[in-house]
């Protein structure tokens, strides 16, 4: 709706023209509209088709979306291995949401469980300001899963996520806070300020 009346059906028409010329961004957008049922009847299989075309052209958003549909079994049979494959492709291109999702797959054991690998991907996403990844990274530090236990560092990451408005981070931050001495809390708050200045954009 910028410069013209907002019109999903008209958007579909023009995205389709570009998508049929192998424009990966248009293919991705067309996939989104099919997934949401905007401007076209909702159709997960059609969304998968267009996401796949874009994903095979290395479009990171399409790869992540395709991974999500495989994870939940929409438009394709549910398949964790396929989900991980596409999340990884997008994550390796630096897409924070895919890095976070890949971390979750490792943490939850949707593939061979590997907390250290989960931490690796959470950190990459957290350092891009991804609040859910900041929460999970904080929890991993607080519980010593995948990293040496460090409640101060855990508190700091949870505080960063809480400061960006992530509601579930506040409760988790306060639970870790109860474990800290006054000096540790002061360290955690100082560390949180450092992290927030670098990574606290919130996404």
N, C-alpha and C. Protein backbone atom coordinates (compact mmCIF):
# COMPACT_ATOMS: atom_id res chain seq x y z
N UNK A 1 0.80 -1.22 0.00
CA UNK A 1 0.00 0.00 0.00
C UNK A 1 0.83 1.26 0.00
N UNK A 2 2.01 1.22 -0.63
CA UNK A 2 2.86 2.42 -0.70
C UNK A 2 2.74 3.01 -2.10
N UNK A 3 2.04 4.17 -2.18
CA UNK A 3 1.88 4.84 -3.47
C UNK A 3 0.69 4.33 -4.27
N UNK A 4 0.12 3.22 -3.82
CA UNK A 4 -1.06 2.62 -4.46
C UNK A 4 -1.93 2.04 -3.35
N UNK A 5 -3.22 1.80 -3.62
CA UNK A 5 -4.04 1.13 -2.60
C UNK A 5 -3.47 -0.26 -2.31
N UNK A 6 -3.48 -0.65 -1.04
CA UNK A 6 -2.99 -1.98 -0.68
C UNK A 6 -3.90 -3.03 -1.31
N UNK A 7 -3.29 -4.01 -2.00
CA UNK A 7 -4.08 -4.99 -2.77
C UNK A 7 -3.27 -6.27 -2.92
N UNK A 8 -3.59 -7.26 -2.09
CA UNK A 8 -2.83 -8.51 -2.11
C UNK A 8 -2.94 -9.22 -3.45
N UNK A 9 -4.14 -9.21 -4.03
CA UNK A 9 -4.32 -9.93 -5.31
C UNK A 9 -3.45 -9.31 -6.40
N UNK A 10 -3.35 -7.99 -6.40
CA UNK A 10 -2.51 -7.31 -7.39
C UNK A 10 -1.04 -7.60 -7.10
N UNK A 11 -0.68 -7.67 -5.82
CA UNK A 11 0.70 -8.02 -5.46
C UNK A 11 1.04 -9.42 -5.98
N UNK A 12 0.11 -10.35 -5.81
CA UNK A 12 0.32 -11.72 -6.29
C UNK A 12 0.58 -11.72 -7.79
N UNK A 13 -0.22 -10.95 -8.51
CA UNK A 13 -0.10 -10.91 -9.97
C UNK A 13 1.31 -10.51 -10.39
N UNK A 14 1.85 -9.45 -9.75
CA UNK A 14 3.16 -8.96 -10.17
C UNK A 14 4.29 -9.82 -9.62
N UNK A 15 4.13 -10.32 -8.40
CA UNK A 15 5.15 -11.25 -7.89
C UNK A 15 5.24 -12.49 -8.78
N UNK A 16 4.06 -12.96 -9.24
CA UNK A 16 4.07 -14.16 -10.08
C UNK A 16 4.82 -13.91 -11.39
N UNK A 17 4.62 -12.74 -11.98
CA UNK A 17 5.31 -12.43 -13.24
C UNK A 17 6.83 -12.46 -13.03
N UNK A 18 7.27 -11.85 -11.93
CA UNK A 18 8.72 -11.85 -11.65
C UNK A 18 9.20 -13.24 -11.23
N UNK A 19 8.38 -13.94 -10.44
CA UNK A 19 8.76 -15.28 -9.97
C UNK A 19 8.95 -16.23 -11.15
N UNK A 20 8.09 -16.11 -12.15
CA UNK A 20 8.18 -16.98 -13.33
C UNK A 20 9.42 -16.66 -14.18
N UNK A 21 10.02 -15.49 -13.92
CA UNK A 21 11.30 -15.15 -14.56
C UNK A 21 12.48 -15.48 -13.63
N UNK A 22 12.21 -16.32 -12.63
CA UNK A 22 13.23 -16.83 -11.71
C UNK A 22 13.78 -15.77 -10.76
N UNK A 23 12.99 -14.73 -10.45
CA UNK A 23 13.42 -13.75 -9.45
C UNK A 23 13.18 -14.35 -8.06
N UNK A 24 14.27 -14.60 -7.32
CA UNK A 24 14.16 -15.33 -6.06
C UNK A 24 13.38 -14.55 -5.00
N UNK A 25 13.55 -13.23 -4.94
CA UNK A 25 12.79 -12.44 -3.95
C UNK A 25 11.30 -12.52 -4.24
N UNK A 26 10.94 -12.44 -5.51
CA UNK A 26 9.53 -12.54 -5.88
C UNK A 26 8.98 -13.93 -5.57
N UNK A 27 9.77 -14.95 -5.81
CA UNK A 27 9.34 -16.32 -5.49
C UNK A 27 9.10 -16.46 -3.99
N UNK A 28 10.00 -15.87 -3.20
CA UNK A 28 9.85 -15.92 -1.74
C UNK A 28 8.58 -15.20 -1.31
N UNK A 29 8.35 -14.02 -1.85
CA UNK A 29 7.16 -13.25 -1.48
C UNK A 29 5.88 -13.96 -1.92
N UNK A 30 5.92 -14.58 -3.07
CA UNK A 30 4.76 -15.33 -3.55
C UNK A 30 4.50 -16.51 -2.62
N UNK A 31 5.56 -17.18 -2.20
CA UNK A 31 5.42 -18.26 -1.23
C UNK A 31 4.77 -17.79 0.06
N UNK A 32 5.19 -16.61 0.55
CA UNK A 32 4.61 -16.06 1.78
C UNK A 32 3.12 -15.82 1.63
N UNK A 33 2.72 -15.28 0.48
CA UNK A 33 1.30 -14.97 0.28
C UNK A 33 0.48 -16.25 0.21
N UNK A 34 1.02 -17.31 -0.43
CA UNK A 34 0.31 -18.59 -0.43
C UNK A 34 0.24 -19.18 0.98
N UNK A 35 1.33 -19.07 1.74
CA UNK A 35 1.35 -19.61 3.10
C UNK A 35 0.32 -18.92 3.99
N UNK A 36 0.14 -17.60 3.76
CA UNK A 36 -0.78 -16.81 4.59
C UNK A 36 -2.19 -16.74 4.02
N UNK A 37 -2.34 -17.16 2.76
CA UNK A 37 -3.65 -17.03 2.11
C UNK A 37 -4.03 -15.58 1.86
N UNK A 38 -3.08 -14.79 1.46
CA UNK A 38 -3.33 -13.37 1.15
C UNK A 38 -3.28 -13.16 -0.36
N UNK A 39 -4.41 -12.76 -0.93
CA UNK A 39 -4.48 -12.50 -2.37
C UNK A 39 -4.68 -13.76 -3.19
N UNK A 40 -4.54 -14.90 -2.55
CA UNK A 40 -4.74 -16.22 -3.16
C UNK A 40 -5.33 -17.14 -2.09
N UNK A 41 -5.99 -18.23 -2.49
CA UNK A 41 -6.41 -19.20 -1.47
C UNK A 41 -5.18 -19.75 -0.74
N UNK A 42 -5.29 -19.93 0.58
CA UNK A 42 -4.18 -20.46 1.36
C UNK A 42 -3.81 -21.85 0.83
N UNK A 43 -2.52 -22.07 0.57
CA UNK A 43 -2.09 -23.32 -0.07
C UNK A 43 -0.64 -23.57 0.31
N UNK A 44 -0.44 -24.44 1.31
CA UNK A 44 0.92 -24.71 1.79
C UNK A 44 1.78 -25.38 0.72
N UNK A 45 1.18 -26.27 -0.06
CA UNK A 45 1.97 -26.96 -1.09
C UNK A 45 2.48 -25.97 -2.13
N UNK A 46 1.65 -24.99 -2.47
CA UNK A 46 2.07 -23.96 -3.43
C UNK A 46 3.15 -23.07 -2.80
N UNK A 47 3.01 -22.79 -1.50
CA UNK A 47 4.04 -22.02 -0.79
C UNK A 47 5.38 -22.77 -0.84
N UNK A 48 5.34 -24.07 -0.58
CA UNK A 48 6.56 -24.89 -0.63
C UNK A 48 7.19 -24.82 -2.00
N UNK A 49 6.36 -24.91 -3.03
CA UNK A 49 6.88 -24.89 -4.41
C UNK A 49 7.68 -23.62 -4.68
N UNK A 50 7.13 -22.47 -4.28
CA UNK A 50 7.81 -21.21 -4.58
C UNK A 50 9.00 -20.99 -3.64
N UNK A 51 8.85 -21.37 -2.38
CA UNK A 51 10.00 -21.27 -1.47
C UNK A 51 11.16 -22.12 -1.98
N UNK A 52 10.85 -23.32 -2.46
CA UNK A 52 11.91 -24.22 -2.92
C UNK A 52 12.65 -23.61 -4.11
N UNK A 53 11.91 -23.03 -5.05
CA UNK A 53 12.55 -22.41 -6.21
C UNK A 53 13.52 -21.31 -5.76
N UNK A 54 13.09 -20.49 -4.80
CA UNK A 54 13.96 -19.41 -4.31
C UNK A 54 15.10 -19.96 -3.47
N UNK A 55 14.79 -20.98 -2.66
CA UNK A 55 15.81 -21.57 -1.78
C UNK A 55 16.95 -22.17 -2.60
N UNK A 56 16.59 -22.75 -3.72
CA UNK A 56 17.62 -23.35 -4.57
C UNK A 56 18.47 -22.29 -5.26
N UNK A 57 18.00 -21.03 -5.22
CA UNK A 57 18.81 -19.91 -5.70
C UNK A 57 19.54 -19.21 -4.54
N UNK A 58 19.59 -19.90 -3.38
CA UNK A 58 20.31 -19.41 -2.20
C UNK A 58 19.63 -18.22 -1.54
N UNK A 59 18.32 -18.07 -1.68
CA UNK A 59 17.60 -17.02 -0.95
C UNK A 59 17.42 -17.49 0.50
N UNK A 60 18.06 -16.78 1.43
CA UNK A 60 18.09 -17.24 2.82
C UNK A 60 16.70 -17.24 3.46
N UNK A 61 15.89 -16.23 3.18
CA UNK A 61 14.55 -16.19 3.76
C UNK A 61 13.72 -17.38 3.29
N UNK A 62 13.82 -17.70 2.02
CA UNK A 62 13.09 -18.85 1.48
C UNK A 62 13.60 -20.15 2.09
N UNK A 63 14.90 -20.25 2.27
CA UNK A 63 15.47 -21.46 2.89
C UNK A 63 14.92 -21.63 4.30
N UNK A 64 14.89 -20.54 5.06
CA UNK A 64 14.39 -20.61 6.44
C UNK A 64 12.90 -20.97 6.46
N UNK A 65 12.13 -20.37 5.56
CA UNK A 65 10.69 -20.66 5.51
C UNK A 65 10.43 -22.10 5.09
N UNK A 66 11.23 -22.58 4.16
CA UNK A 66 11.10 -23.96 3.72
C UNK A 66 11.46 -24.90 4.87
N UNK A 67 12.51 -24.55 5.61
CA UNK A 67 12.87 -25.34 6.78
C UNK A 67 11.72 -25.41 7.78
N UNK A 68 11.07 -24.27 8.00
CA UNK A 68 9.95 -24.23 8.96
C UNK A 68 8.80 -25.14 8.51
N UNK A 69 8.47 -25.11 7.23
CA UNK A 69 7.37 -25.96 6.74
C UNK A 69 7.72 -27.44 6.87
N UNK A 70 8.99 -27.78 6.64
CA UNK A 70 9.40 -29.17 6.86
C UNK A 70 9.34 -29.52 8.35
N UNK A 71 9.71 -28.58 9.20
CA UNK A 71 9.70 -28.85 10.64
C UNK A 71 8.30 -29.17 11.15
N UNK A 72 7.32 -28.41 10.67
CA UNK A 72 5.95 -28.58 11.19
C UNK A 72 5.08 -29.46 10.30
N UNK A 73 5.61 -29.82 9.10
CA UNK A 73 4.84 -30.68 8.22
C UNK A 73 3.68 -29.99 7.54
N UNK A 74 3.91 -28.79 7.05
CA UNK A 74 2.88 -28.06 6.29
C UNK A 74 3.27 -28.04 4.82
N UNK A 75 2.42 -28.62 3.98
CA UNK A 75 2.68 -28.63 2.54
C UNK A 75 3.67 -29.70 2.11
N UNK A 76 4.33 -30.30 3.07
CA UNK A 76 5.30 -31.39 2.85
C UNK A 76 5.20 -32.32 4.06
N UNK A 77 5.64 -33.57 3.91
CA UNK A 77 5.69 -34.44 5.09
C UNK A 77 6.63 -33.86 6.14
N UNK A 78 6.28 -34.00 7.41
CA UNK A 78 7.15 -33.52 8.49
C UNK A 78 8.48 -34.27 8.41
N UNK A 79 9.59 -33.50 8.47
CA UNK A 79 10.91 -34.11 8.26
C UNK A 79 11.96 -33.23 8.92
N UNK A 80 12.41 -33.64 10.11
CA UNK A 80 13.40 -32.84 10.84
C UNK A 80 14.71 -32.69 10.07
N UNK A 81 15.12 -33.77 9.40
CA UNK A 81 16.40 -33.71 8.68
C UNK A 81 16.35 -32.67 7.56
N UNK A 82 15.22 -32.63 6.84
CA UNK A 82 15.06 -31.61 5.78
C UNK A 82 14.99 -30.22 6.39
N UNK A 83 14.30 -30.10 7.53
CA UNK A 83 14.21 -28.80 8.20
C UNK A 83 15.61 -28.30 8.57
N UNK A 84 16.41 -29.18 9.16
CA UNK A 84 17.76 -28.81 9.56
C UNK A 84 18.60 -28.43 8.34
N UNK A 85 18.45 -29.17 7.28
CA UNK A 85 19.21 -28.89 6.05
C UNK A 85 18.97 -27.46 5.58
N UNK A 86 17.70 -27.06 5.53
CA UNK A 86 17.38 -25.72 5.01
C UNK A 86 17.68 -24.63 6.04
N UNK A 87 17.44 -24.92 7.32
CA UNK A 87 17.83 -23.95 8.34
C UNK A 87 19.33 -23.69 8.28
N UNK A 88 20.10 -24.76 8.12
CA UNK A 88 21.56 -24.61 8.10
C UNK A 88 22.00 -23.74 6.92
N UNK A 89 21.41 -23.97 5.75
CA UNK A 89 21.79 -23.16 4.58
C UNK A 89 21.54 -21.68 4.84
N UNK A 90 20.38 -21.37 5.43
CA UNK A 90 20.06 -19.97 5.73
C UNK A 90 20.93 -19.44 6.86
N UNK A 91 21.17 -20.28 7.87
CA UNK A 91 21.99 -19.87 9.02
C UNK A 91 23.40 -19.54 8.58
N UNK A 92 23.94 -20.34 7.67
CA UNK A 92 25.31 -20.11 7.20
C UNK A 92 25.41 -18.84 6.35
N UNK A 93 24.26 -18.34 5.88
CA UNK A 93 24.25 -17.05 5.19
C UNK A 93 24.06 -15.89 6.17
N UNK A 94 23.93 -16.22 7.46
CA UNK A 94 23.85 -15.17 8.48
C UNK A 94 22.46 -14.77 8.89
N UNK A 95 21.43 -15.54 8.50
CA UNK A 95 20.05 -15.17 8.87
C UNK A 95 19.80 -15.56 10.32
N UNK A 96 19.55 -14.56 11.16
CA UNK A 96 19.46 -14.79 12.60
C UNK A 96 18.33 -15.74 12.97
N UNK A 97 17.18 -15.60 12.35
CA UNK A 97 16.05 -16.47 12.70
C UNK A 97 16.37 -17.93 12.40
N UNK A 98 17.08 -18.18 11.32
CA UNK A 98 17.47 -19.55 10.98
C UNK A 98 18.53 -20.07 11.94
N UNK A 99 19.45 -19.20 12.35
CA UNK A 99 20.47 -19.60 13.33
C UNK A 99 19.79 -20.00 14.64
N UNK A 100 18.81 -19.22 15.05
CA UNK A 100 18.06 -19.55 16.27
C UNK A 100 17.33 -20.88 16.11
N UNK A 101 16.62 -21.06 15.00
CA UNK A 101 15.87 -22.31 14.79
C UNK A 101 16.79 -23.52 14.75
N UNK A 102 17.95 -23.35 14.15
CA UNK A 102 18.92 -24.45 14.10
C UNK A 102 19.41 -24.78 15.51
N UNK A 103 19.64 -23.75 16.31
CA UNK A 103 20.02 -23.98 17.70
C UNK A 103 18.96 -24.77 18.46
N UNK A 104 17.70 -24.42 18.24
CA UNK A 104 16.60 -25.13 18.91
C UNK A 104 16.58 -26.60 18.50
N UNK A 105 16.82 -26.86 17.20
CA UNK A 105 16.81 -28.25 16.73
C UNK A 105 17.91 -29.06 17.42
N UNK A 106 19.08 -28.45 17.60
CA UNK A 106 20.16 -29.14 18.31
C UNK A 106 19.82 -29.30 19.79
N UNK A 107 19.28 -28.27 20.40
CA UNK A 107 18.98 -28.33 21.84
C UNK A 107 17.90 -29.37 22.13
N UNK A 108 16.87 -29.39 21.31
CA UNK A 108 15.72 -30.26 21.57
C UNK A 108 15.94 -31.71 21.14
N UNK A 109 17.10 -31.97 20.51
CA UNK A 109 17.36 -33.34 20.07
C UNK A 109 16.53 -33.76 18.88
N UNK A 110 16.14 -32.79 18.05
CA UNK A 110 15.39 -33.11 16.83
C UNK A 110 16.34 -33.70 15.78
N UNK A 111 17.61 -33.70 16.13
CA UNK A 111 18.68 -34.39 15.44
C UNK A 111 19.57 -34.86 16.58
N UNK A 112 20.70 -35.50 16.37
CA UNK A 112 21.50 -35.86 17.54
C UNK A 112 21.71 -34.63 18.44
N UNK A 113 21.27 -34.75 19.70
CA UNK A 113 21.31 -33.60 20.61
C UNK A 113 22.74 -33.14 20.84
N UNK A 114 22.95 -31.83 20.76
CA UNK A 114 24.30 -31.29 20.89
C UNK A 114 24.19 -29.87 21.44
N UNK A 115 24.33 -29.76 22.78
CA UNK A 115 24.15 -28.45 23.41
C UNK A 115 25.22 -27.45 22.97
N UNK A 116 26.44 -27.93 22.76
CA UNK A 116 27.50 -27.01 22.33
C UNK A 116 27.19 -26.43 20.96
N UNK A 117 26.63 -27.25 20.08
CA UNK A 117 26.26 -26.76 18.75
C UNK A 117 25.08 -25.80 18.86
N UNK A 118 24.16 -26.09 19.77
CA UNK A 118 23.04 -25.17 20.01
C UNK A 118 23.56 -23.81 20.45
N UNK A 119 24.50 -23.83 21.39
CA UNK A 119 25.07 -22.58 21.90
C UNK A 119 25.75 -21.79 20.77
N UNK A 120 26.47 -22.50 19.93
CA UNK A 120 27.16 -21.84 18.81
C UNK A 120 26.18 -21.04 17.96
N UNK A 121 25.04 -21.65 17.62
CA UNK A 121 24.07 -20.97 16.75
C UNK A 121 23.28 -19.92 17.51
N UNK A 122 22.96 -20.19 18.78
CA UNK A 122 22.30 -19.16 19.58
C UNK A 122 23.17 -17.91 19.67
N UNK A 123 24.46 -18.12 19.87
CA UNK A 123 25.36 -16.97 19.99
C UNK A 123 25.38 -16.13 18.71
N UNK A 124 25.44 -16.80 17.57
CA UNK A 124 25.47 -16.06 16.30
C UNK A 124 24.20 -15.21 16.15
N UNK A 125 23.05 -15.80 16.50
CA UNK A 125 21.80 -15.05 16.39
C UNK A 125 21.70 -13.97 17.46
N UNK A 126 22.13 -14.31 18.69
CA UNK A 126 22.07 -13.35 19.79
C UNK A 126 22.90 -12.11 19.49
N UNK A 127 24.02 -12.32 18.84
CA UNK A 127 24.90 -11.19 18.51
C UNK A 127 24.36 -10.35 17.37
N UNK A 128 23.27 -10.81 16.75
CA UNK A 128 22.56 -9.97 15.77
C UNK A 128 21.33 -9.31 16.40
N UNK A 129 21.18 -9.45 17.72
CA UNK A 129 20.06 -8.82 18.40
C UNK A 129 18.79 -9.66 18.44
N UNK A 130 18.89 -10.97 18.14
CA UNK A 130 17.71 -11.84 18.15
C UNK A 130 17.37 -12.18 19.59
N UNK A 131 16.24 -11.64 20.09
CA UNK A 131 15.93 -11.71 21.52
C UNK A 131 15.70 -13.14 22.00
N UNK A 132 15.01 -13.98 21.21
CA UNK A 132 14.78 -15.37 21.64
C UNK A 132 16.11 -16.11 21.78
N UNK A 133 17.03 -15.85 20.88
CA UNK A 133 18.35 -16.48 20.96
C UNK A 133 19.10 -15.98 22.19
N UNK A 134 18.95 -14.70 22.52
CA UNK A 134 19.58 -14.15 23.72
C UNK A 134 19.05 -14.84 24.97
N UNK A 135 17.74 -15.08 25.00
CA UNK A 135 17.13 -15.80 26.12
C UNK A 135 17.73 -17.21 26.24
N UNK A 136 17.74 -17.94 25.14
CA UNK A 136 18.22 -19.31 25.18
C UNK A 136 19.71 -19.39 25.50
N UNK A 137 20.47 -18.44 24.98
CA UNK A 137 21.91 -18.42 25.29
C UNK A 137 22.11 -18.16 26.78
N UNK A 138 21.32 -17.24 27.32
CA UNK A 138 21.40 -16.96 28.75
C UNK A 138 21.09 -18.18 29.59
N UNK A 139 20.07 -18.93 29.19
CA UNK A 139 19.69 -20.14 29.92
C UNK A 139 20.80 -21.19 29.85
N UNK A 140 21.42 -21.31 28.67
CA UNK A 140 22.50 -22.30 28.53
C UNK A 140 23.66 -21.96 29.46
N UNK A 141 24.00 -20.67 29.56
CA UNK A 141 25.06 -20.28 30.49
C UNK A 141 24.64 -20.54 31.94
N UNK A 142 23.40 -20.22 32.26
CA UNK A 142 22.94 -20.36 33.64
C UNK A 142 22.87 -21.82 34.08
N UNK A 143 22.63 -22.71 33.12
CA UNK A 143 22.49 -24.14 33.45
C UNK A 143 23.74 -24.96 33.10
N UNK A 144 24.69 -24.33 32.41
CA UNK A 144 25.92 -25.03 32.05
C UNK A 144 25.72 -26.10 31.00
N UNK A 145 24.80 -25.85 30.08
CA UNK A 145 24.59 -26.80 28.99
C UNK A 145 25.24 -26.27 27.72
N UNK A 146 26.27 -26.99 27.27
CA UNK A 146 26.96 -26.58 26.05
C UNK A 146 28.07 -25.59 26.27
N UNK A 147 28.11 -25.02 27.48
CA UNK A 147 29.17 -24.08 27.88
C UNK A 147 29.43 -24.29 29.36
N UNK A 148 30.62 -23.92 29.85
CA UNK A 148 30.82 -23.97 31.29
C UNK A 148 29.79 -23.08 32.00
N UNK A 149 29.22 -23.58 33.09
CA UNK A 149 28.19 -22.81 33.81
C UNK A 149 28.74 -21.46 34.25
N UNK A 150 27.98 -20.42 33.99
CA UNK A 150 28.40 -19.06 34.32
C UNK A 150 27.14 -18.23 34.53
N UNK A 151 26.69 -18.17 35.78
CA UNK A 151 25.42 -17.50 36.07
C UNK A 151 25.48 -16.00 35.78
N UNK A 152 26.66 -15.40 35.95
CA UNK A 152 26.80 -13.97 35.66
C UNK A 152 26.56 -13.70 34.17
N UNK A 153 27.18 -14.50 33.32
CA UNK A 153 27.00 -14.34 31.87
C UNK A 153 25.56 -14.68 31.48
N UNK A 154 24.99 -15.70 32.11
CA UNK A 154 23.60 -16.05 31.85
C UNK A 154 22.66 -14.91 32.20
N UNK A 155 22.88 -14.33 33.38
CA UNK A 155 22.07 -13.18 33.80
C UNK A 155 22.19 -12.04 32.79
N UNK A 156 23.42 -11.79 32.34
CA UNK A 156 23.65 -10.66 31.43
C UNK A 156 22.88 -10.82 30.12
N UNK A 157 22.93 -12.01 29.52
CA UNK A 157 22.21 -12.22 28.26
C UNK A 157 20.70 -12.13 28.47
N UNK A 158 20.21 -12.67 29.58
CA UNK A 158 18.78 -12.58 29.86
C UNK A 158 18.35 -11.13 30.11
N UNK A 159 19.23 -10.37 30.74
CA UNK A 159 18.93 -8.95 30.98
C UNK A 159 18.85 -8.17 29.67
N UNK A 160 19.72 -8.51 28.73
CA UNK A 160 19.68 -7.85 27.42
C UNK A 160 18.35 -8.15 26.73
N UNK A 161 17.95 -9.42 26.74
CA UNK A 161 16.67 -9.78 26.11
C UNK A 161 15.50 -9.11 26.81
N UNK A 162 15.56 -9.04 28.14
CA UNK A 162 14.49 -8.39 28.90
C UNK A 162 14.40 -6.91 28.55
N UNK A 163 15.55 -6.28 28.37
CA UNK A 163 15.58 -4.84 28.06
C UNK A 163 15.03 -4.54 26.67
N UNK A 164 15.05 -5.54 25.78
CA UNK A 164 14.51 -5.31 24.43
C UNK A 164 13.02 -5.65 24.38
N UNK A 165 12.43 -5.95 25.55
CA UNK A 165 10.99 -6.14 25.61
C UNK A 165 10.53 -7.59 25.54
N UNK A 166 11.45 -8.53 25.64
CA UNK A 166 11.09 -9.95 25.57
C UNK A 166 10.51 -10.37 26.92
N UNK A 167 9.20 -10.57 26.99
CA UNK A 167 8.53 -10.72 28.28
C UNK A 167 9.01 -11.94 29.06
N UNK A 168 9.21 -13.08 28.38
CA UNK A 168 9.61 -14.27 29.12
C UNK A 168 11.03 -14.16 29.67
N UNK A 169 11.80 -13.20 29.16
CA UNK A 169 13.18 -13.02 29.63
C UNK A 169 13.22 -12.44 31.04
N UNK A 170 12.22 -11.63 31.40
CA UNK A 170 12.23 -10.96 32.70
C UNK A 170 12.17 -11.99 33.82
N UNK A 171 11.24 -12.93 33.71
CA UNK A 171 11.09 -13.96 34.75
C UNK A 171 12.35 -14.82 34.86
N UNK A 172 12.91 -15.21 33.70
CA UNK A 172 14.10 -16.05 33.71
C UNK A 172 15.31 -15.28 34.25
N UNK A 173 15.41 -14.01 33.89
CA UNK A 173 16.50 -13.17 34.42
C UNK A 173 16.42 -13.10 35.95
N UNK A 174 15.20 -12.91 36.47
CA UNK A 174 15.02 -12.76 37.91
C UNK A 174 15.32 -14.06 38.67
N UNK A 175 15.04 -15.21 38.02
CA UNK A 175 15.38 -16.49 38.64
C UNK A 175 16.89 -16.66 38.78
N UNK A 176 17.62 -16.26 37.74
CA UNK A 176 19.09 -16.33 37.81
C UNK A 176 19.62 -15.31 38.81
N UNK A 177 18.99 -14.15 38.86
CA UNK A 177 19.42 -13.08 39.77
C UNK A 177 19.44 -13.57 41.23
N UNK A 178 18.47 -14.43 41.58
CA UNK A 178 18.38 -14.93 42.96
C UNK A 178 19.61 -15.74 43.35
N UNK A 179 20.32 -16.25 42.37
CA UNK A 179 21.50 -17.08 42.64
C UNK A 179 22.78 -16.25 42.79
N UNK A 180 22.71 -14.97 42.49
CA UNK A 180 23.92 -14.15 42.45
C UNK A 180 24.16 -13.41 43.76
N UNK A 181 25.43 -13.32 44.12
CA UNK A 181 25.81 -12.46 45.24
C UNK A 181 25.73 -10.99 44.77
N UNK A 182 25.87 -10.08 45.71
CA UNK A 182 25.82 -8.66 45.33
C UNK A 182 26.91 -8.32 44.34
N UNK A 183 28.11 -8.83 44.57
CA UNK A 183 29.22 -8.51 43.65
C UNK A 183 28.99 -9.15 42.28
N UNK A 184 28.44 -10.38 42.27
CA UNK A 184 28.15 -11.04 40.99
C UNK A 184 27.06 -10.28 40.23
N UNK A 185 26.06 -9.81 40.98
CA UNK A 185 24.99 -9.05 40.33
C UNK A 185 25.55 -7.78 39.70
N UNK A 186 26.43 -7.11 40.40
CA UNK A 186 27.06 -5.90 39.85
C UNK A 186 27.83 -6.24 38.57
N UNK A 187 28.55 -7.37 38.60
CA UNK A 187 29.28 -7.81 37.40
C UNK A 187 28.30 -8.10 36.27
N UNK A 188 27.20 -8.78 36.61
CA UNK A 188 26.21 -9.14 35.60
C UNK A 188 25.57 -7.92 34.96
N UNK A 189 25.29 -6.92 35.79
CA UNK A 189 24.68 -5.69 35.26
C UNK A 189 25.65 -4.93 34.36
N UNK A 190 26.92 -4.91 34.77
CA UNK A 190 27.93 -4.26 33.93
C UNK A 190 28.08 -4.99 32.60
N UNK A 191 28.13 -6.33 32.69
CA UNK A 191 28.26 -7.14 31.47
C UNK A 191 27.02 -6.96 30.58
N UNK A 192 25.84 -6.88 31.20
CA UNK A 192 24.61 -6.70 30.44
C UNK A 192 24.64 -5.38 29.67
N UNK A 193 25.17 -4.35 30.30
CA UNK A 193 25.27 -3.05 29.63
C UNK A 193 26.19 -3.14 28.42
N UNK A 194 27.32 -3.83 28.60
CA UNK A 194 28.26 -4.01 27.47
C UNK A 194 27.56 -4.75 26.32
N UNK A 195 26.88 -5.85 26.68
CA UNK A 195 26.22 -6.66 25.65
C UNK A 195 25.10 -5.87 24.98
N UNK A 196 24.33 -5.14 25.78
CA UNK A 196 23.21 -4.39 25.20
C UNK A 196 23.71 -3.34 24.23
N UNK A 197 24.80 -2.68 24.56
CA UNK A 197 25.35 -1.66 23.66
C UNK A 197 25.80 -2.26 22.33
N UNK A 198 26.22 -3.52 22.37
CA UNK A 198 26.69 -4.18 21.15
C UNK A 198 25.58 -4.92 20.40
N UNK A 199 24.70 -5.58 21.17
CA UNK A 199 23.78 -6.55 20.55
C UNK A 199 22.32 -6.37 20.92
N UNK A 200 21.97 -5.25 21.50
CA UNK A 200 20.63 -5.14 22.07
C UNK A 200 19.57 -4.54 21.18
N UNK A 201 19.71 -4.70 19.87
CA UNK A 201 18.74 -4.05 18.99
C UNK A 201 17.37 -4.67 19.07
N UNK A 202 17.30 -5.98 19.36
CA UNK A 202 16.01 -6.66 19.46
C UNK A 202 15.42 -6.98 18.11
N UNK A 203 15.20 -8.27 17.81
CA UNK A 203 14.63 -8.67 16.52
C UNK A 203 13.62 -9.78 16.75
